Amino acid sequence: MPSEIDALAQMLDQAEALLRSYGQVRWAEWLTKDARLIRSLDDYGLEHLLSAYGGMGSLNDVVLQRSNGGIGALLDVGDNERFDKLRSEIYDLARRLRTGE
């Protein structure tokens, strides 16, 4: 299981970096906290992480975009696809670790 915990923490680090690069500080800090707790084998890290999924305003609703000088928003499809994949993989692995599968 330690290798799965390491893998989850690394995915959280990657997602955090993407979020931070798009100014999504709230979610970046959320994932930073969870990665720290998970690395220290604190079960609350998994619970807190999984609570970020679902409901209005959740991590599932995040779209990575940058402001276009007040004209609109710029979307990077590649970064959003990468983030979406990470978000799904993080959720799946966190659920497996929480249930002990």
N, C-alpha and C. Protein backbone atom coordinates (compact mmCIF):
# COMPACT_ATOMS: atom_id res chain seq x y z
N MET A 1 0.81 -1.21 0.00
CA MET A 1 0.00 0.00 0.00
C MET A 1 0.85 1.28 0.00
N PRO A 2 2.05 1.24 0.60
CA PRO A 2 2.85 2.48 0.55
C PRO A 2 3.10 2.99 -0.87
N SER A 3 3.26 2.09 -1.83
CA SER A 3 3.48 2.57 -3.20
C SER A 3 2.22 3.25 -3.74
N GLU A 4 1.05 2.76 -3.35
CA GLU A 4 -0.19 3.41 -3.78
C GLU A 4 -0.35 4.77 -3.09
N ILE A 5 0.06 4.85 -1.86
CA ILE A 5 0.00 6.13 -1.14
C ILE A 5 0.95 7.12 -1.80
N ASP A 6 2.14 6.65 -2.14
CA ASP A 6 3.10 7.51 -2.84
C ASP A 6 2.53 7.97 -4.18
N ALA A 7 1.91 7.04 -4.90
CA ALA A 7 1.33 7.38 -6.21
C ALA A 7 0.24 8.42 -6.05
N LEU A 8 -0.61 8.25 -5.05
CA LEU A 8 -1.69 9.21 -4.81
C LEU A 8 -1.12 10.58 -4.45
N ALA A 9 -0.14 10.61 -3.58
CA ALA A 9 0.47 11.89 -3.18
C ALA A 9 1.12 12.58 -4.38
N GLN A 10 1.76 11.81 -5.26
CA GLN A 10 2.37 12.40 -6.45
C GLN A 10 1.32 12.96 -7.40
N MET A 11 0.20 12.25 -7.55
CA MET A 11 -0.88 12.77 -8.40
C MET A 11 -1.46 14.04 -7.80
N LEU A 12 -1.58 14.08 -6.49
CA LEU A 12 -2.07 15.29 -5.82
C LEU A 12 -1.11 16.45 -6.06
N ASP A 13 0.18 16.18 -6.02
CA ASP A 13 1.17 17.22 -6.29
C ASP A 13 1.03 17.76 -7.72
N GLN A 14 0.81 16.87 -8.67
CA GLN A 14 0.64 17.29 -10.07
C GLN A 14 -0.62 18.12 -10.24
N ALA A 15 -1.72 17.67 -9.64
CA ALA A 15 -2.97 18.42 -9.73
C ALA A 15 -2.84 19.77 -9.05
N GLU A 16 -2.16 19.80 -7.92
CA GLU A 16 -1.95 21.06 -7.19
C GLU A 16 -1.18 22.05 -8.04
N ALA A 17 -0.14 21.59 -8.72
CA ALA A 17 0.66 22.48 -9.57
C ALA A 17 -0.17 23.05 -10.71
N LEU A 18 -1.00 22.21 -11.33
CA LEU A 18 -1.88 22.69 -12.40
C LEU A 18 -2.86 23.73 -11.86
N LEU A 19 -3.49 23.43 -10.76
CA LEU A 19 -4.45 24.36 -10.16
C LEU A 19 -3.79 25.69 -9.84
N ARG A 20 -2.62 25.63 -9.24
CA ARG A 20 -1.92 26.85 -8.85
C ARG A 20 -1.54 27.68 -10.08
N SER A 21 -1.16 27.01 -11.16
CA SER A 21 -0.75 27.73 -12.38
C SER A 21 -1.93 28.48 -13.01
N TYR A 22 -3.14 28.09 -12.67
CA TYR A 22 -4.34 28.76 -13.17
C TYR A 22 -5.01 29.63 -12.11
N GLY A 23 -4.31 29.87 -11.02
CA GLY A 23 -4.85 30.76 -9.99
C GLY A 23 -5.91 30.13 -9.11
N GLN A 24 -6.06 28.83 -9.14
CA GLN A 24 -7.04 28.13 -8.32
C GLN A 24 -6.42 27.80 -6.96
N VAL A 25 -6.12 28.85 -6.20
CA VAL A 25 -5.36 28.71 -4.95
C VAL A 25 -6.13 27.90 -3.91
N ARG A 26 -7.42 28.13 -3.80
CA ARG A 26 -8.21 27.41 -2.78
C ARG A 26 -8.08 25.89 -2.96
N TRP A 27 -8.28 25.44 -4.18
CA TRP A 27 -8.19 24.01 -4.44
C TRP A 27 -6.75 23.50 -4.37
N ALA A 28 -5.80 24.32 -4.79
CA ALA A 28 -4.39 23.94 -4.69
C ALA A 28 -4.01 23.70 -3.23
N GLU A 29 -4.43 24.61 -2.35
CA GLU A 29 -4.14 24.46 -0.92
C GLU A 29 -4.84 23.25 -0.33
N TRP A 30 -6.06 22.99 -0.77
CA TRP A 30 -6.83 21.83 -0.31
C TRP A 30 -6.04 20.55 -0.60
N LEU A 31 -5.55 20.43 -1.85
CA LEU A 31 -4.83 19.22 -2.25
C LEU A 31 -3.46 19.14 -1.58
N THR A 32 -2.82 20.28 -1.34
CA THR A 32 -1.54 20.29 -0.63
C THR A 32 -1.72 19.72 0.77
N LYS A 33 -2.77 20.15 1.45
CA LYS A 33 -3.06 19.65 2.80
C LYS A 33 -3.31 18.15 2.77
N ASP A 34 -4.11 17.70 1.80
CA ASP A 34 -4.42 16.28 1.71
C ASP A 34 -3.18 15.45 1.42
N ALA A 35 -2.33 15.92 0.52
CA ALA A 35 -1.10 15.19 0.20
C ALA A 35 -0.23 15.04 1.45
N ARG A 36 -0.13 16.11 2.23
CA ARG A 36 0.67 16.06 3.46
C ARG A 36 0.09 15.04 4.44
N LEU A 37 -1.22 15.07 4.63
CA LEU A 37 -1.86 14.13 5.55
C LEU A 37 -1.72 12.69 5.06
N ILE A 38 -1.91 12.48 3.78
CA ILE A 38 -1.83 11.13 3.21
C ILE A 38 -0.41 10.59 3.32
N ARG A 39 0.58 11.44 3.06
CA ARG A 39 1.98 11.01 3.19
C ARG A 39 2.31 10.60 4.64
N SER A 40 1.66 11.25 5.60
CA SER A 40 1.91 10.91 7.01
C SER A 40 0.98 9.79 7.48
N LEU A 41 0.28 9.15 6.54
CA LEU A 41 -0.62 8.02 6.81
C LEU A 41 -1.78 8.37 7.73
N ASP A 42 -2.20 9.62 7.67
CA ASP A 42 -3.36 10.08 8.44
C ASP A 42 -4.62 9.83 7.60
N ASP A 43 -5.49 8.96 8.08
CA ASP A 43 -6.71 8.60 7.35
C ASP A 43 -7.60 9.80 7.04
N TYR A 44 -7.51 10.83 7.86
CA TYR A 44 -8.33 12.02 7.60
C TYR A 44 -8.01 12.62 6.24
N GLY A 45 -6.78 12.46 5.77
CA GLY A 45 -6.42 12.98 4.45
C GLY A 45 -7.29 12.40 3.35
N LEU A 46 -7.57 11.11 3.42
CA LEU A 46 -8.44 10.48 2.41
C LEU A 46 -9.87 10.99 2.54
N GLU A 47 -10.36 11.09 3.77
CA GLU A 47 -11.72 11.59 3.98
C GLU A 47 -11.87 13.02 3.48
N HIS A 48 -10.91 13.87 3.83
CA HIS A 48 -10.95 15.27 3.41
C HIS A 48 -10.87 15.37 1.90
N LEU A 49 -9.99 14.59 1.30
CA LEU A 49 -9.84 14.60 -0.15
C LEU A 49 -11.15 14.19 -0.83
N LEU A 50 -11.73 13.10 -0.40
CA LEU A 50 -12.96 12.62 -1.03
C LEU A 50 -14.12 13.57 -0.82
N SER A 51 -14.08 14.36 0.24
CA SER A 51 -15.15 15.33 0.47
C SER A 51 -15.12 16.47 -0.55
N ALA A 52 -14.02 16.59 -1.28
CA ALA A 52 -13.90 17.64 -2.30
C ALA A 52 -14.69 17.31 -3.56
N TYR A 53 -15.11 16.06 -3.68
CA TYR A 53 -15.82 15.60 -4.88
C TYR A 53 -17.32 15.60 -4.63
N GLY A 54 -18.08 16.09 -5.58
CA GLY A 54 -19.53 16.03 -5.50
C GLY A 54 -20.15 17.29 -4.93
N GLY A 55 -21.31 17.62 -5.45
CA GLY A 55 -22.02 18.81 -5.00
C GLY A 55 -21.59 20.05 -5.77
N MET A 56 -22.39 21.10 -5.64
CA MET A 56 -22.08 22.35 -6.33
C MET A 56 -20.81 22.97 -5.78
N GLY A 57 -19.99 23.49 -6.67
CA GLY A 57 -18.76 24.14 -6.26
C GLY A 57 -17.65 23.18 -5.87
N SER A 58 -17.80 21.92 -6.22
CA SER A 58 -16.82 20.91 -5.85
C SER A 58 -15.63 20.92 -6.81
N LEU A 59 -14.67 20.11 -6.50
CA LEU A 59 -13.50 19.95 -7.36
C LEU A 59 -13.92 19.48 -8.75
N ASN A 60 -15.01 18.74 -8.82
CA ASN A 60 -15.51 18.27 -10.13
C ASN A 60 -15.93 19.42 -11.04
N ASP A 61 -16.25 20.56 -10.47
CA ASP A 61 -16.72 21.71 -11.25
C ASP A 61 -15.59 22.60 -11.76
N VAL A 62 -14.37 22.34 -11.34
CA VAL A 62 -13.25 23.22 -11.70
C VAL A 62 -12.90 23.06 -13.18
N VAL A 63 -12.81 24.20 -13.86
CA VAL A 63 -12.33 24.28 -15.24
C VAL A 63 -11.14 25.22 -15.22
N LEU A 64 -10.03 24.76 -15.77
CA LEU A 64 -8.82 25.58 -15.79
C LEU A 64 -8.92 26.59 -16.91
N GLN A 65 -8.87 27.87 -16.56
CA GLN A 65 -8.95 28.94 -17.56
C GLN A 65 -8.20 30.16 -17.06
N ARG A 66 -7.76 30.95 -18.01
CA ARG A 66 -7.06 32.20 -17.69
C ARG A 66 -7.86 33.36 -18.25
N SER A 67 -7.77 34.48 -17.58
CA SER A 67 -8.44 35.69 -18.05
C SER A 67 -7.77 36.19 -19.32
N ASN A 68 -8.57 36.74 -20.22
CA ASN A 68 -8.06 37.27 -21.48
C ASN A 68 -8.19 38.78 -21.47
N GLY A 69 -7.60 39.42 -20.46
CA GLY A 69 -7.63 40.87 -20.38
C GLY A 69 -9.02 41.46 -20.29
N GLY A 70 -9.92 40.80 -19.59
CA GLY A 70 -11.27 41.32 -19.42
C GLY A 70 -12.20 41.03 -20.59
N ILE A 71 -11.68 40.44 -21.66
CA ILE A 71 -12.49 40.16 -22.84
C ILE A 71 -13.22 38.82 -22.70
N GLY A 72 -12.63 37.91 -22.00
CA GLY A 72 -13.22 36.59 -21.86
C GLY A 72 -12.25 35.68 -21.14
N ALA A 73 -12.36 34.41 -21.38
CA ALA A 73 -11.50 33.43 -20.73
C ALA A 73 -10.80 32.58 -21.79
N LEU A 74 -9.57 32.23 -21.50
CA LEU A 74 -8.81 31.35 -22.37
C LEU A 74 -8.75 29.97 -21.74
N LEU A 75 -9.16 28.97 -22.50
CA LEU A 75 -9.12 27.60 -22.03
C LEU A 75 -7.98 26.87 -22.72
N ASP A 76 -7.26 26.08 -21.97
CA ASP A 76 -6.24 25.20 -22.54
C ASP A 76 -6.81 23.79 -22.47
N VAL A 77 -7.24 23.29 -23.62
CA VAL A 77 -7.90 21.99 -23.66
C VAL A 77 -6.99 20.90 -23.13
N GLY A 78 -5.70 20.95 -23.49
CA GLY A 78 -4.76 19.93 -23.03
C GLY A 78 -4.63 19.90 -21.52
N ASP A 79 -4.49 21.07 -20.91
CA ASP A 79 -4.39 21.12 -19.45
C ASP A 79 -5.68 20.66 -18.79
N ASN A 80 -6.82 21.01 -19.36
CA ASN A 80 -8.09 20.56 -18.79
C ASN A 80 -8.26 19.06 -18.92
N GLU A 81 -7.83 18.49 -20.03
CA GLU A 81 -7.92 17.04 -20.19
C GLU A 81 -6.98 16.35 -19.21
N ARG A 82 -5.78 16.89 -19.05
CA ARG A 82 -4.82 16.34 -18.10
C ARG A 82 -5.37 16.43 -16.67
N PHE A 83 -5.94 17.57 -16.32
CA PHE A 83 -6.49 17.75 -14.99
C PHE A 83 -7.68 16.82 -14.76
N ASP A 84 -8.54 16.67 -15.76
CA ASP A 84 -9.70 15.80 -15.64
C ASP A 84 -9.26 14.35 -15.41
N LYS A 85 -8.25 13.91 -16.14
CA LYS A 85 -7.73 12.55 -15.97
C LYS A 85 -7.15 12.38 -14.57
N LEU A 86 -6.34 13.34 -14.13
CA LEU A 86 -5.77 13.29 -12.79
C LEU A 86 -6.86 13.26 -11.72
N ARG A 87 -7.84 14.13 -11.88
CA ARG A 87 -8.94 14.22 -10.92
C ARG A 87 -9.64 12.87 -10.78
N SER A 88 -9.89 12.20 -11.89
CA SER A 88 -10.55 10.89 -11.86
C SER A 88 -9.66 9.83 -11.23
N GLU A 89 -8.39 9.82 -11.61
CA GLU A 89 -7.46 8.83 -11.06
C GLU A 89 -7.27 9.04 -9.55
N ILE A 90 -7.20 10.28 -9.13
CA ILE A 90 -7.07 10.59 -7.70
C ILE A 90 -8.28 10.05 -6.94
N TYR A 91 -9.47 10.33 -7.45
CA TYR A 91 -10.69 9.88 -6.79
C TYR A 91 -10.73 8.35 -6.69
N ASP A 92 -10.46 7.68 -7.81
CA ASP A 92 -10.52 6.22 -7.83
C ASP A 92 -9.53 5.60 -6.83
N LEU A 93 -8.31 6.10 -6.83
CA LEU A 93 -7.30 5.54 -5.92
C LEU A 93 -7.62 5.87 -4.47
N ALA A 94 -8.06 7.07 -4.19
CA ALA A 94 -8.42 7.44 -2.82
C ALA A 94 -9.56 6.57 -2.30
N ARG A 95 -10.54 6.31 -3.13
CA ARG A 95 -11.65 5.42 -2.71
C ARG A 95 -11.16 4.02 -2.41
N ARG A 96 -10.29 3.51 -3.30
CA ARG A 96 -9.74 2.16 -3.07
C ARG A 96 -8.95 2.11 -1.76
N LEU A 97 -8.14 3.12 -1.53
CA LEU A 97 -7.34 3.14 -0.30
C LEU A 97 -8.23 3.26 0.94
N ARG A 98 -9.28 4.05 0.85
CA ARG A 98 -10.17 4.23 1.99
C ARG A 98 -10.91 2.94 2.34
N THR A 99 -11.33 2.22 1.32
CA THR A 99 -12.08 0.98 1.57
C THR A 99 -11.17 -0.22 1.76
N GLY A 100 -9.88 -0.04 1.52
CA GLY A 100 -8.92 -1.13 1.71
C GLY A 100 -8.94 -2.19 0.64
N GLU A 101 -9.43 -1.85 -0.53
CA GLU A 101 -9.50 -2.82 -1.64
C GLU A 101 -8.14 -3.07 -2.24
